[in-house]
Amino acid sequence: MKLVITNSLVVLLLAVHAYADCDVPSLTEASGTHYNPPAKLCPGDLIFEDQFDSFDLTKWQHEITLTGGGNYEFEYYLNNRTNSYVQDGNLHIKPTYLSEDFGENFLYSGVLDLGSECTNNDNNGCYRQGTETNILNPIESARIRTIESFSFLYGTAVVRAKVPAGDWLWPALWFLPTDFSYGGWPVSGEIDLMESRGNKEFVSGDGVNIGVTQVGSTLHWGTSSQTNQYPRTHYEQNNAAGYDGDFHIYKVVWDPNGFQFYVDDALIGTVTPPDGGFYEMGHFADSGLPNPWSSGTKMAPFDKRFHMIINLAIGGTTYFPDGFSNPGGKPWSNTSPTAMTDFWKGKSQWEPTWNRATDQSHFIIDYVQIYAI
């Protein structure tokens, strides 16, 4: 008789194993207010989970900022149940309009002072005043993280999610270092489990649709922001049916030898650094650049604890290339000094694609699970 292993059976077996003893202890390390380490951590133990039967704000901390995520994005992240809530066992991150709360004129002359609740002041992220040429961030959204509740080093992260459809929506499942031990971004690394673009048809000059028919996984790393070597560790998976019509499973296995990225159990990318680590992999010695990871292992900067982030960004000046084909065009240029204003004034192009009467524009997450290795 042949035993067929399904995803459900794997989860069940891992859950059963969590209560069993093991001869070889896990290589995983974890910490945080929501992590109670067992006396002995075994490979396969479930060490963090959220099935989103309720919105547990002890697990997830909201970012509150106008900073634009380092990409001059167009959203305002806040803690509001209109934008982030749980319904029928799923987490929803829903984009809404700032003008619906404060009126259209507020975008052009109002003040947003986030005060002591602000979590990131980069790029004037805590205080902004709108002007005729540079309006306030017009879209409200959410970005949640486990920086206080859970961080881990090495493990398997599994997320079942449905990406949103709507032009210029940018959903992401990712991880950042909790302490930035090696220096500022991307010197301390970034792990992107899944990113996508909400456009139904956003086609490159080569005829590839990089909208909702494509998801990507990426590692960001470099000796500085100018030497980010992410193209060496970037992987894509295309599905003509799109990733917005149903839930899909995104998984990364992270261990002391490297990374493996999966979409629906299909391996889409493997990263195995050489003995000289990411410094050797990036050929930084050829340019005479110093090694910021010399004190770490060959996995540095990915040998420190990271925390999880779930967010829905909008637009920005990096992720949606100029010159690609999109129905109705693109309302802003990435080089425009008034990109955010141009985006909002071009609302007639993108607003119909969001289909706001439904949950089509929502980023919906069914569950998050992290296992020890």
Protein backbone atom coordinates (compact mmCIF):
# COMPACT_ATOMS: atom_id res chain seq x y z
CA MET A 1 0.00 0.00 0.00
CA LYS A 2 1.31 3.45 -0.90
CA LEU A 3 1.08 6.20 1.72
CA VAL A 4 0.14 9.56 0.22
CA ILE A 5 1.50 12.48 2.23
CA THR A 6 -0.73 15.55 2.01
CA ASN A 7 -0.13 19.02 3.43
CA SER A 8 -2.72 18.32 6.14
CA LEU A 9 -1.00 15.08 7.10
CA VAL A 10 2.38 16.79 7.27
CA VAL A 11 0.98 19.42 9.62
CA LEU A 12 -0.63 16.71 11.75
CA LEU A 13 2.59 14.68 11.92
CA LEU A 14 4.56 17.76 12.91
CA ALA A 15 2.01 18.65 15.56
CA VAL A 16 2.18 15.12 17.00
CA HIS A 17 5.98 15.27 16.93
CA ALA A 18 5.89 18.46 18.98
CA TYR A 19 4.94 16.37 22.00
CA ALA A 20 7.56 13.69 21.40
CA ASP A 21 11.11 13.58 22.67
CA CYS A 22 14.00 13.76 20.24
CA ASP A 23 17.56 12.43 20.20
CA VAL A 24 18.93 15.41 18.24
CA PRO A 25 17.92 18.85 19.53
CA SER A 26 16.71 21.55 17.16
CA LEU A 27 19.08 24.13 15.69
CA THR A 28 16.37 26.78 16.00
CA GLU A 29 16.60 29.64 18.48
CA ALA A 30 13.63 31.82 19.39
CA SER A 31 12.66 34.58 21.79
CA GLY A 32 9.92 37.11 22.50
CA THR A 33 7.02 37.74 24.83
CA HIS A 34 4.88 35.21 22.96
CA TYR A 35 7.45 32.43 23.00
CA ASN A 36 7.68 30.06 25.94
CA PRO A 37 10.59 27.71 25.18
CA PRO A 38 10.06 24.06 26.03
CA ALA A 39 12.61 22.22 28.14
CA LYS A 40 13.84 20.57 24.95
CA LEU A 41 13.16 21.98 21.50
CA CYS A 42 12.94 19.29 18.82
CA PRO A 43 13.07 19.53 15.02
CA GLY A 44 9.52 19.90 13.71
CA ASP A 45 8.14 21.55 16.84
CA LEU A 46 5.55 24.24 16.12
CA ILE A 47 6.99 27.32 17.83
CA PHE A 48 4.69 30.08 16.54
CA GLU A 49 1.22 29.95 15.03
CA ASP A 50 -1.78 32.11 14.30
CA GLN A 51 -4.94 30.66 12.76
CA PHE A 52 -6.62 34.10 13.03
CA ASP A 53 -9.68 32.89 14.90
CA SER A 54 -9.32 36.26 16.63
CA PHE A 55 -6.98 39.23 16.22
CA ASP A 56 -4.38 38.66 18.94
CA LEU A 57 -2.63 41.99 19.39
CA THR A 58 -0.20 40.41 21.83
CA LYS A 59 1.20 38.50 18.84
CA TRP A 60 1.07 41.32 16.29
CA GLN A 61 2.22 44.90 16.75
CA HIS A 62 1.01 47.54 14.29
CA GLU A 63 3.40 49.96 12.68
CA ILE A 64 2.10 53.53 12.73
CA THR A 65 3.96 55.67 10.23
CA LEU A 66 3.88 57.73 7.05
CA THR A 67 7.46 56.83 6.11
CA GLY A 68 6.62 54.93 2.90
CA GLY A 69 8.61 51.79 3.66
CA GLY A 70 11.84 53.13 2.18
CA ASN A 71 10.26 53.14 -1.28
CA TYR A 72 8.28 56.41 -1.08
CA GLU A 73 5.09 54.36 -1.02
CA PHE A 74 1.70 56.06 -0.89
CA GLU A 75 0.16 54.47 2.20
CA TYR A 76 -0.32 55.56 5.81
CA TYR A 77 0.06 52.60 8.16
CA LEU A 78 -2.17 52.75 11.21
CA ASN A 79 -3.84 50.60 13.84
CA ASN A 80 -7.50 50.63 12.86
CA ARG A 81 -9.99 47.76 12.57
CA THR A 82 -11.20 49.23 9.30
CA ASN A 83 -7.82 48.37 7.76
CA SER A 84 -6.78 45.28 9.71
CA TYR A 85 -9.28 42.83 11.15
CA VAL A 86 -10.15 39.17 11.47
CA GLN A 87 -13.24 37.70 9.83
CA ASP A 88 -14.27 34.04 9.42
CA GLY A 89 -10.86 32.79 10.51
CA ASN A 90 -8.86 35.02 8.18
CA LEU A 91 -6.82 38.17 8.66
CA HIS A 92 -7.80 40.96 6.27
CA ILE A 93 -5.62 43.94 5.43
CA LYS A 94 -7.84 46.38 3.58
CA PRO A 95 -6.83 49.62 1.83
CA THR A 96 -9.05 52.66 2.36
CA TYR A 97 -8.87 56.38 1.56
CA LEU A 98 -7.63 59.05 3.96
CA SER A 99 -10.12 61.41 2.34
CA GLU A 100 -12.98 59.25 3.59
CA ASP A 101 -11.94 60.10 7.15
CA PHE A 102 -10.91 63.74 6.78
CA GLY A 103 -12.19 65.01 3.45
CA GLU A 104 -10.48 65.70 0.12
CA ASN A 105 -9.15 69.14 1.09
CA PHE A 106 -7.28 67.65 4.05
CA LEU A 107 -4.91 65.86 1.65
CA TYR A 108 -3.71 69.22 0.33
CA SER A 109 -3.52 71.27 3.52
CA GLY A 110 -4.04 69.07 6.57
CA VAL A 111 -1.52 67.91 9.16
CA LEU A 112 -0.94 64.32 10.30
CA ASP A 113 0.93 64.31 13.62
CA LEU A 114 1.31 60.72 14.80
CA GLY A 115 2.90 61.73 18.07
CA SER A 116 4.24 59.18 20.51
CA GLU A 117 2.45 56.31 18.75
CA CYS A 118 4.65 56.71 15.65
CA THR A 119 6.94 53.73 15.08
CA ASN A 120 9.21 55.07 12.31
CA ASN A 121 10.23 58.68 11.69
CA ASP A 122 12.32 58.00 8.57
CA ASN A 123 11.37 60.32 5.70
CA ASN A 124 9.26 62.46 8.04
CA GLY A 125 7.20 59.44 8.93
CA CYS A 126 5.78 60.89 12.16
CA TYR A 127 4.68 64.34 11.02
CA ARG A 128 3.58 65.62 7.62
CA GLN A 129 1.62 68.54 6.25
CA GLY A 130 -0.11 68.28 2.90
CA THR A 131 0.50 70.82 0.14
CA GLU A 132 -0.89 71.36 -3.33
CA THR A 133 2.12 69.63 -4.89
CA ASN A 134 2.89 67.03 -2.21
CA ILE A 135 -0.28 65.72 -0.66
CA LEU A 136 -0.54 63.57 2.45
CA ASN A 137 -0.39 59.81 2.02
CA PRO A 138 -3.82 59.18 0.46
CA ILE A 139 -4.25 55.46 1.25
CA GLU A 140 -4.71 53.95 4.70
CA SER A 141 -3.43 50.39 5.22
CA ALA A 142 -1.74 48.15 7.78
CA ARG A 143 1.65 46.66 8.47
CA ILE A 144 1.91 44.27 11.43
CA ARG A 145 4.96 42.59 12.91
CA THR A 146 6.14 40.28 15.72
CA ILE A 147 9.17 42.34 16.79
CA GLU A 148 8.12 42.24 20.46
CA SER A 149 6.36 38.90 20.56
CA PHE A 150 8.43 36.50 18.46
CA SER A 151 11.83 36.36 16.76
CA PHE A 152 13.69 33.31 15.56
CA LEU A 153 16.91 32.04 14.03
CA TYR A 154 16.53 29.11 11.62
CA GLY A 155 13.22 27.41 11.02
CA THR A 156 10.46 26.71 8.51
CA ALA A 157 7.84 29.41 7.97
CA VAL A 158 4.56 28.51 6.24
CA VAL A 159 1.82 30.99 5.32
CA ARG A 160 -1.44 30.35 3.50
CA ALA A 161 -2.64 33.56 1.89
CA LYS A 162 -4.59 35.12 -0.96
CA VAL A 163 -3.06 38.18 -2.59
CA PRO A 164 -5.21 41.20 -3.51
CA ALA A 165 -6.13 42.27 -7.02
CA GLY A 166 -6.06 45.96 -7.86
CA ASP A 167 -3.58 48.16 -9.69
CA TRP A 168 -0.57 49.26 -7.64
CA LEU A 169 -1.33 47.09 -4.60
CA TRP A 170 1.81 45.51 -3.12
CA PRO A 171 1.26 42.69 -0.57
CA ALA A 172 4.21 41.17 1.26
CA LEU A 173 5.12 38.42 3.75
CA TRP A 174 8.65 38.98 5.03
CA PHE A 175 11.18 39.07 7.84
CA LEU A 176 13.59 41.71 9.16
CA PRO A 177 16.41 41.36 11.70
CA THR A 178 15.26 42.18 15.20
CA ASP A 179 18.53 43.84 16.27
CA PHE A 180 20.29 44.84 12.98
CA SER A 181 23.52 43.47 14.47
CA TYR A 182 25.62 43.98 11.33
CA GLY A 183 24.43 47.49 10.45
CA GLY A 184 21.64 49.28 8.62
CA TRP A 185 19.61 47.87 5.76
CA PRO A 186 20.49 45.72 3.86
CA VAL A 187 23.75 44.93 5.69
CA SER A 188 21.83 42.99 8.34
CA GLY A 189 19.67 41.26 5.70
CA GLU A 190 16.02 40.93 4.72
CA ILE A 191 14.06 37.75 3.93
CA ASP A 192 11.08 38.17 1.59
CA LEU A 193 8.87 35.08 1.66
CA MET A 194 6.36 36.48 -0.83
CA GLU A 195 5.72 39.70 -2.71
CA SER A 196 3.28 40.37 -5.53
CA ARG A 197 1.74 43.18 -7.57
CA GLY A 198 -2.04 43.58 -7.69
CA ASN A 199 -2.27 44.56 -11.35
CA LYS A 200 -4.14 42.06 -13.50
CA GLU A 201 -2.03 42.97 -16.52
CA PHE A 202 1.33 44.62 -15.91
CA VAL A 203 3.50 43.43 -18.77
CA SER A 204 7.22 43.91 -19.34
CA GLY A 205 8.80 44.65 -22.71
CA ASP A 206 9.56 40.93 -22.94
CA GLY A 207 5.86 40.13 -22.70
CA VAL A 208 5.96 38.78 -19.11
CA ASN A 209 3.02 39.66 -16.88
CA ILE A 210 4.52 40.58 -13.49
CA GLY A 211 1.15 41.40 -11.89
CA VAL A 212 -1.02 38.98 -9.89
CA THR A 213 0.12 36.10 -12.10
CA GLN A 214 3.57 36.32 -10.49
CA VAL A 215 4.88 36.00 -6.94
CA GLY A 216 8.48 36.42 -5.85
CA SER A 217 10.82 35.45 -3.01
CA THR A 218 14.01 37.38 -2.30
CA LEU A 219 16.96 37.82 0.03
CA HIS A 220 18.31 41.36 0.36
CA TRP A 221 21.94 41.66 1.47
CA GLY A 222 24.95 43.82 0.76
CA THR A 223 27.75 45.85 2.30
CA SER A 224 25.59 48.97 1.87
CA SER A 225 22.32 50.02 0.25
CA GLN A 226 24.29 50.75 -2.93
CA THR A 227 25.65 47.18 -3.12
CA ASN A 228 22.42 45.25 -2.47
CA GLN A 229 22.90 41.88 -4.18
CA TYR A 230 19.25 40.81 -4.22
CA PRO A 231 19.28 39.92 -7.97
CA ARG A 232 21.53 36.97 -7.06
CA THR A 233 18.91 35.66 -4.63
CA HIS A 234 15.59 36.54 -6.26
CA TYR A 235 13.13 33.91 -7.48
CA GLU A 236 9.79 34.14 -9.28
CA GLN A 237 6.89 31.82 -9.97
CA ASN A 238 4.21 32.52 -12.56
CA ASN A 239 0.68 31.14 -12.70
CA ALA A 240 -1.52 32.21 -15.60
CA ALA A 241 -4.63 31.84 -13.41
CA GLY A 242 -3.25 34.40 -10.96
CA TYR A 243 -2.53 34.14 -7.26
CA ASP A 244 -5.48 36.36 -6.34
CA GLY A 245 -8.32 33.95 -7.09
CA ASP A 246 -7.57 31.47 -4.32
CA PHE A 247 -5.32 30.81 -1.35
CA HIS A 248 -1.78 29.57 -1.94
CA ILE A 249 0.90 28.29 0.42
CA TYR A 250 4.23 30.10 0.72
CA LYS A 251 7.08 28.42 2.57
CA VAL A 252 10.73 29.09 3.35
CA VAL A 253 13.13 26.65 4.99
CA TRP A 254 16.03 28.49 6.65
CA ASP A 255 18.90 26.52 8.15
CA PRO A 256 22.66 26.91 8.75
CA ASN A 257 23.35 25.87 5.15
CA GLY A 258 20.99 28.21 3.33
CA PHE A 259 17.41 28.78 2.20
CA GLN A 260 14.78 26.98 0.15
CA PHE A 261 11.72 28.88 -1.08
CA TYR A 262 8.48 27.10 -2.07
CA VAL A 263 5.13 28.05 -3.59
CA ASP A 264 2.44 25.39 -3.17
CA ASP A 265 5.16 22.82 -2.39
CA ALA A 266 7.04 23.62 -5.62
CA LEU A 267 10.65 24.61 -5.00
CA ILE A 268 11.27 27.95 -6.73
CA GLY A 269 14.69 28.90 -5.36
CA THR A 270 17.63 27.67 -3.31
CA VAL A 271 20.38 29.75 -1.72
CA THR A 272 23.53 27.94 -0.56
CA PRO A 273 26.35 30.33 0.34
CA PRO A 274 29.93 29.09 -0.17
CA ASP A 275 32.45 28.71 2.64
CA GLY A 276 33.27 32.41 2.29
CA GLY A 277 29.64 33.24 2.93
CA PHE A 278 27.63 36.00 1.33
CA TYR A 279 30.76 38.15 1.16
CA GLU A 280 32.27 35.64 -1.27
CA MET A 281 28.93 35.11 -3.01
CA GLY A 282 28.65 38.83 -3.71
CA HIS A 283 32.25 39.14 -5.00
CA PHE A 284 32.75 42.11 -2.69
CA ALA A 285 36.49 41.46 -2.32
CA ASP A 286 36.88 42.16 -6.05
CA SER A 287 35.80 45.75 -5.35
CA GLY A 288 37.97 46.06 -2.25
CA LEU A 289 34.93 46.40 0.03
CA PRO A 290 35.37 45.43 3.69
CA ASN A 291 33.50 42.43 5.04
CA PRO A 292 30.81 43.55 7.51
CA TRP A 293 30.04 39.90 8.36
CA SER A 294 33.55 38.74 9.31
CA SER A 295 32.45 38.10 12.90
CA GLY A 296 29.62 35.81 11.81
CA THR A 297 29.16 32.42 10.21
CA LYS A 298 28.96 31.74 6.49
CA MET A 299 25.21 32.48 6.80
CA ALA A 300 25.84 36.04 8.01
CA PRO A 301 23.91 38.30 7.94
CA PHE A 302 21.28 35.55 8.12
CA ASP A 303 22.68 34.07 11.33
CA LYS A 304 20.75 36.34 13.70
CA ARG A 305 17.14 36.38 14.85
CA PHE A 306 14.48 37.83 12.55
CA HIS A 307 10.82 38.77 13.14
CA MET A 308 7.86 38.52 10.79
CA ILE A 309 6.04 41.32 8.94
CA ILE A 310 2.74 41.24 7.03
CA ASN A 311 1.74 44.34 5.11
CA LEU A 312 -0.11 45.80 2.16
CA ALA A 313 1.76 48.69 0.54
CA ILE A 314 0.57 50.88 -2.31
CA GLY A 315 2.61 52.20 -5.20
CA GLY A 316 5.92 53.88 -4.47
CA THR A 317 8.83 54.68 -6.74
CA THR A 318 10.74 51.37 -6.88
CA TYR A 319 8.56 48.27 -7.24
CA PHE A 320 6.39 49.22 -10.22
CA PRO A 321 8.72 49.97 -13.15
CA ASP A 322 8.03 52.79 -15.58
CA GLY A 323 7.49 51.87 -19.21
CA PHE A 324 5.63 48.60 -18.66
CA SER A 325 2.26 48.01 -20.30
CA ASN A 326 -0.78 48.46 -18.05
CA PRO A 327 -4.43 49.09 -19.01
CA GLY A 328 -4.99 52.80 -18.63
CA GLY A 329 -1.29 53.46 -18.16
CA LYS A 330 0.47 54.41 -14.95
CA PRO A 331 -0.56 57.70 -13.29
CA TRP A 332 2.90 58.59 -11.97
CA SER A 333 6.54 58.33 -12.94
CA ASN A 334 9.08 56.90 -10.53
CA THR A 335 11.27 59.95 -11.14
CA SER A 336 8.49 62.49 -10.51
CA PRO A 337 8.96 64.75 -7.45
CA THR A 338 5.17 64.69 -7.04
CA ALA A 339 4.60 60.94 -7.49
CA MET A 340 2.12 60.61 -4.61
CA THR A 341 0.04 63.53 -5.86
CA ASP A 342 0.13 62.18 -9.41
CA PHE A 343 -1.06 58.78 -8.18
CA TRP A 344 -4.03 60.26 -6.35
CA LYS A 345 -5.03 62.59 -9.17
CA GLY A 346 -4.93 59.55 -11.48
CA LYS A 347 -7.47 57.70 -9.32
CA SER A 348 -9.81 57.20 -12.29
CA GLN A 349 -7.26 54.75 -13.72
CA TRP A 350 -6.81 52.46 -10.71
CA GLU A 351 -9.90 52.85 -8.52
CA PRO A 352 -12.17 50.63 -10.69
CA THR A 353 -9.60 47.81 -10.55
CA TRP A 354 -9.84 47.64 -6.73
CA ASN A 355 -13.53 46.64 -6.86
CA ARG A 356 -14.02 48.05 -3.38
CA ALA A 357 -17.55 46.68 -2.98
CA THR A 358 -15.94 43.25 -2.51
CA ASP A 359 -12.88 41.95 -0.68
CA GLN A 360 -10.93 41.69 -3.94
CA SER A 361 -8.46 44.39 -2.87
CA HIS A 362 -7.87 42.82 0.56
CA PHE A 363 -4.71 40.92 1.46
CA ILE A 364 -6.14 37.85 3.20
CA ILE A 365 -4.10 35.47 5.38
CA ASP A 366 -5.51 32.15 6.54
CA TYR A 367 -2.69 31.08 8.87
CA VAL A 368 0.95 31.55 9.83
CA GLN A 369 3.04 28.65 11.17
CA ILE A 370 6.72 28.53 12.11
CA TYR A 371 8.45 25.26 12.91
CA ALA A 372 11.79 24.44 14.44
CA ILE A 373 14.35 22.64 12.29
